[in-house]
Amino acid sequence: MIKIEAIVREEKLEDIKEALAKIEVNGVTVSQVMGCGKQKGYKELVRGMEVSITMLPKIKFEIIVSSEEWEQKTIKAIQEAAFTGNPGDGKIFSYDLRSVMRARTKETGAAAIN
């Protein structure tokens, strides 16, 4: 089992949800997060003072898949939907997952995520 985390632009939320639904990836957790990468934010005038905005709003997707095949399909769908070609498109991470248990039924492993 593999956990995929993607941190992307806020405006790409619906595009990524649609891309995941299209490949039938249904178990998704989405969170609003703040962060910055190479672009280090931007400067803005607030009440006549220049302020550095270094933490930008982002969306974090967390997805558990059962195999490397699904990992590649999921990452490809996210990357294509998140792409603008500009700094700040985000990052996609994947991790090996040791165990999963469905709390209600106590199913473990792949049965817990399918």
Protein backbone atom coordinates (compact mmCIF):
# COMPACT_ATOMS: atom_id res chain seq x y z
CA MET A 1 0.00 0.00 0.00
CA ILE A 2 1.14 3.51 -0.81
CA LYS A 3 0.18 6.92 0.55
CA ILE A 4 0.20 9.82 -1.88
CA GLU A 5 0.23 13.42 -0.66
CA ALA A 6 -0.14 16.32 -3.07
CA ILE A 7 0.12 19.97 -2.08
CA VAL A 8 -1.30 22.13 -4.86
CA ARG A 9 -2.82 25.52 -5.72
CA GLU A 10 -6.23 26.21 -4.18
CA GLU A 11 -7.80 26.93 -7.54
CA LYS A 12 -6.93 23.41 -8.76
CA LEU A 13 -9.12 21.65 -6.15
CA GLU A 14 -12.05 20.90 -8.47
CA ASP A 15 -9.83 19.97 -11.44
CA ILE A 16 -7.94 17.42 -9.33
CA LYS A 17 -11.12 16.01 -7.77
CA GLU A 18 -12.54 15.49 -11.28
CA ALA A 19 -9.30 13.88 -12.52
CA LEU A 20 -9.29 11.45 -9.57
CA ALA A 21 -12.99 10.61 -10.05
CA LYS A 22 -12.32 9.93 -13.74
CA ILE A 23 -9.77 7.20 -12.85
CA GLU A 24 -12.07 5.94 -10.06
CA VAL A 25 -9.92 7.00 -7.10
CA ASN A 26 -12.59 7.69 -4.49
CA GLY A 27 -10.95 7.62 -1.05
CA VAL A 28 -9.50 11.12 -0.73
CA THR A 29 -8.85 13.43 2.23
CA VAL A 30 -8.52 17.14 1.45
CA SER A 31 -7.18 19.82 3.81
CA GLN A 32 -6.52 23.54 3.56
CA VAL A 33 -2.87 24.20 4.42
CA MET A 34 -0.35 27.05 4.24
CA GLY A 35 3.19 26.90 2.93
CA CYS A 36 5.80 28.19 0.55
CA GLY A 37 8.37 26.80 -1.82
CA LYS A 38 10.97 28.40 -4.04
CA GLN A 39 8.75 31.35 -4.85
CA LYS A 40 8.88 32.49 -1.18
CA GLY A 41 5.53 34.25 -1.40
CA TYR A 42 5.00 37.82 -2.56
CA LYS A 43 4.90 41.42 -1.33
CA GLU A 44 1.63 43.30 -0.90
CA LEU A 45 0.62 46.77 0.26
CA VAL A 46 -1.51 46.62 3.41
CA ARG A 47 -2.68 49.99 4.79
CA GLY A 48 0.21 51.75 3.06
CA MET A 49 2.87 49.36 4.39
CA GLU A 50 4.67 46.78 2.26
CA VAL A 51 4.15 43.33 3.79
CA SER A 52 5.80 40.06 2.77
CA ILE A 53 3.29 37.24 2.43
CA THR A 54 5.47 34.14 2.77
CA MET A 55 2.89 31.51 3.65
CA LEU A 56 0.53 30.90 0.75
CA PRO A 57 -2.79 29.05 0.95
CA LYS A 58 -2.61 25.57 -0.62
CA ILE A 59 -4.72 22.40 -0.76
CA LYS A 60 -3.36 19.07 0.47
CA PHE A 61 -4.71 15.79 -0.92
CA GLU A 62 -4.04 12.53 0.93
CA ILE A 63 -4.80 9.30 -0.91
CA ILE A 64 -4.05 5.64 -0.12
CA VAL A 65 -3.69 3.24 -3.06
CA SER A 66 -3.16 -0.50 -3.15
CA SER A 67 -0.35 -0.89 -5.70
CA GLU A 68 2.43 0.80 -7.66
CA GLU A 69 0.20 0.71 -10.76
CA TRP A 70 -2.43 2.79 -8.93
CA GLU A 71 0.29 5.03 -7.52
CA GLN A 72 1.50 5.92 -11.02
CA LYS A 73 -2.05 6.44 -12.38
CA THR A 74 -2.96 8.66 -9.42
CA ILE A 75 0.22 10.75 -9.56
CA LYS A 76 -0.19 11.24 -13.32
CA ALA A 77 -3.81 12.38 -12.90
CA ILE A 78 -2.87 14.86 -10.15
CA GLN A 79 0.14 16.21 -12.04
CA GLU A 80 -1.83 16.80 -15.23
CA ALA A 81 -4.72 18.47 -13.40
CA ALA A 82 -2.47 20.65 -11.20
CA PHE A 83 -0.16 21.83 -13.99
CA THR A 84 -0.06 25.52 -14.92
CA GLY A 85 3.64 25.69 -15.81
CA ASN A 86 4.24 28.44 -13.25
CA PRO A 87 6.05 28.36 -9.89
CA GLY A 88 3.71 27.23 -7.13
CA ASP A 89 2.09 24.30 -8.96
CA GLY A 90 2.96 22.17 -5.93
CA LYS A 91 4.58 18.90 -4.99
CA ILE A 92 3.49 15.25 -4.99
CA PHE A 93 4.95 12.79 -2.48
CA SER A 94 4.48 9.04 -2.13
CA TYR A 95 5.33 6.80 0.82
CA ASP A 96 5.23 3.08 1.54
CA LEU A 97 2.52 2.41 4.10
CA ARG A 98 3.05 -0.21 6.78
CA SER A 99 -0.54 -0.87 7.80
CA VAL A 100 -4.14 0.29 7.48
CA MET A 101 -7.19 -0.69 9.52
CA ARG A 102 -10.81 0.20 8.87
CA ALA A 103 -12.04 1.22 12.33
CA ARG A 104 -15.62 0.01 11.86
CA THR A 105 -14.93 -3.53 10.59
CA LYS A 106 -11.33 -4.06 11.70
CA GLU A 107 -10.42 -5.03 8.12
CA THR A 108 -6.71 -4.54 7.44
CA GLY A 109 -4.46 -4.09 4.42
CA ALA A 110 -5.95 -3.68 0.95
CA ALA A 111 -9.40 -4.77 2.19
CA ALA A 112 -9.46 -1.68 4.43
CA ILE A 113 -8.99 0.74 1.54
CA ASN A 114 -11.10 -0.92 -1.17
